[in-house]
């Protein structure tokens, strides 16, 4: 179950990736897929914790 949720988070992240890349390009920041990977992992952790927090609030 946990892996499935991570895949969903990754899909959401990928949806917004072009927009993020556009903003970084506009700021003069060059971004490669190798550079994105650690941020994607961090994003997954953040989303996972946010999900758990939301789940706890929903069960109260």
C-alpha atoms as a PDB file:
ATOM      1  CA  UNK A   1       0.000   0.000   0.000  1.00  0.00           C
ATOM      2  CA  UNK A   2       2.761   2.435   0.974  1.00  0.00           C
ATOM      3  CA  UNK A   3       4.593   1.922  -2.347  1.00  0.00           C
ATOM      4  CA  UNK A   4       1.392   2.542  -4.287  1.00  0.00           C
ATOM      5  CA  UNK A   5       0.910   5.877  -2.511  1.00  0.00           C
ATOM      6  CA  UNK A   6       4.496   6.871  -3.323  1.00  0.00           C
ATOM      7  CA  UNK A   7       3.835   6.137  -6.996  1.00  0.00           C
ATOM      8  CA  UNK A   8       0.792   8.416  -6.880  1.00  0.00           C
ATOM      9  CA  UNK A   9       2.862  11.181  -5.266  1.00  0.00           C
ATOM     10  CA  UNK A  10       5.502  10.770  -7.966  1.00  0.00           C
ATOM     11  CA  UNK A  11       2.846  11.058 -10.675  1.00  0.00           C
ATOM     12  CA  UNK A  12       1.570  14.274  -9.079  1.00  0.00           C
ATOM     13  CA  UNK A  13       5.132  15.615  -8.878  1.00  0.00           C
ATOM     14  CA  UNK A  14       5.785  14.730 -12.530  1.00  0.00           C
ATOM     15  CA  UNK A  15       2.626  16.613 -13.507  1.00  0.00           C
ATOM     16  CA  UNK A  16       4.030  19.836 -12.028  1.00  0.00           C
ATOM     17  CA  UNK A  17       7.635  19.217 -13.001  1.00  0.00           C
ATOM     18  CA  UNK A  18       7.484  21.106 -16.342  1.00  0.00           C
ATOM     19  CA  UNK A  19       6.118  24.181 -14.542  1.00  0.00           C
ATOM     20  CA  UNK A  20       8.829  23.978 -11.883  1.00  0.00           C
ATOM     21  CA  UNK A  21      11.511  23.542 -14.555  1.00  0.00           C
ATOM     22  CA  UNK A  22      10.145  26.545 -16.459  1.00  0.00           C
ATOM     23  CA  UNK A  23      10.351  28.722 -13.333  1.00  0.00           C
ATOM     24  CA  UNK A  24      13.890  27.540 -12.569  1.00  0.00           C
ATOM     25  CA  UNK A  25      14.946  28.104 -16.191  1.00  0.00           C
ATOM     26  CA  UNK A  26      13.482  31.614 -15.914  1.00  0.00           C
ATOM     27  CA  UNK A  27      15.606  32.161 -12.812  1.00  0.00           C
ATOM     28  CA  UNK A  28      18.670  30.972 -14.705  1.00  0.00           C
ATOM     29  CA  UNK A  29      18.899  27.623 -12.925  1.00  0.00           C
ATOM     30  CA  UNK A  30      19.856  24.695 -15.149  1.00  0.00           C
ATOM     31  CA  UNK A  31      18.110  21.504 -14.101  1.00  0.00           C
ATOM     32  CA  UNK A  32      18.885  17.972 -15.257  1.00  0.00           C
ATOM     33  CA  UNK A  33      17.062  14.749 -14.399  1.00  0.00           C
ATOM     34  CA  UNK A  34      20.047  13.733 -12.243  1.00  0.00           C
ATOM     35  CA  UNK A  35      19.640  16.923 -10.216  1.00  0.00           C
ATOM     36  CA  UNK A  36      15.866  16.440  -9.894  1.00  0.00           C
ATOM     37  CA  UNK A  37      16.077  12.939  -8.381  1.00  0.00           C
ATOM     38  CA  UNK A  38      17.061  13.934  -4.800  1.00  0.00           C
ATOM     39  CA  UNK A  39      14.306  16.575  -4.803  1.00  0.00           C
ATOM     40  CA  UNK A  40      11.757  14.034  -5.989  1.00  0.00           C
ATOM     41  CA  UNK A  41      12.733  11.771  -3.079  1.00  0.00           C
ATOM     42  CA  UNK A  42      12.407  14.690  -0.661  1.00  0.00           C
ATOM     43  CA  UNK A  43       9.036  15.627  -2.165  1.00  0.00           C
ATOM     44  CA  UNK A  44       7.834  12.042  -1.690  1.00  0.00           C
ATOM     45  CA  UNK A  45       8.813  12.161   1.993  1.00  0.00           C
ATOM     46  CA  UNK A  46       7.006  15.486   2.472  1.00  0.00           C
ATOM     47  CA  UNK A  47       3.874  14.218   0.705  1.00  0.00           C
ATOM     48  CA  UNK A  48       3.940  10.996   2.709  1.00  0.00           C
ATOM     49  CA  UNK A  49       4.092  12.859   6.019  1.00  0.00           C
ATOM     50  CA  UNK A  50       1.387  15.288   4.903  1.00  0.00           C
ATOM     51  CA  UNK A  51      -0.786  12.327   3.923  1.00  0.00           C
ATOM     52  CA  UNK A  52      -0.307  10.683   7.325  1.00  0.00           C
ATOM     53  CA  UNK A  53      -1.131  13.969   9.072  1.00  0.00           C
ATOM     54  CA  UNK A  54      -4.320  14.325   7.026  1.00  0.00           C
ATOM     55  CA  UNK A  55      -5.245  10.730   7.794  1.00  0.00           C
ATOM     56  CA  UNK A  56      -4.789  11.321  11.541  1.00  0.00           C
ATOM     57  CA  UNK A  57      -6.954  14.464  11.390  1.00  0.00           C
ATOM     58  CA  UNK A  58      -9.653  12.581   9.497  1.00  0.00           C
ATOM     59  CA  UNK A  59      -9.832   9.823  12.116  1.00  0.00           C
ATOM     60  CA  UNK A  60     -10.195  12.241  15.064  1.00  0.00           C
END
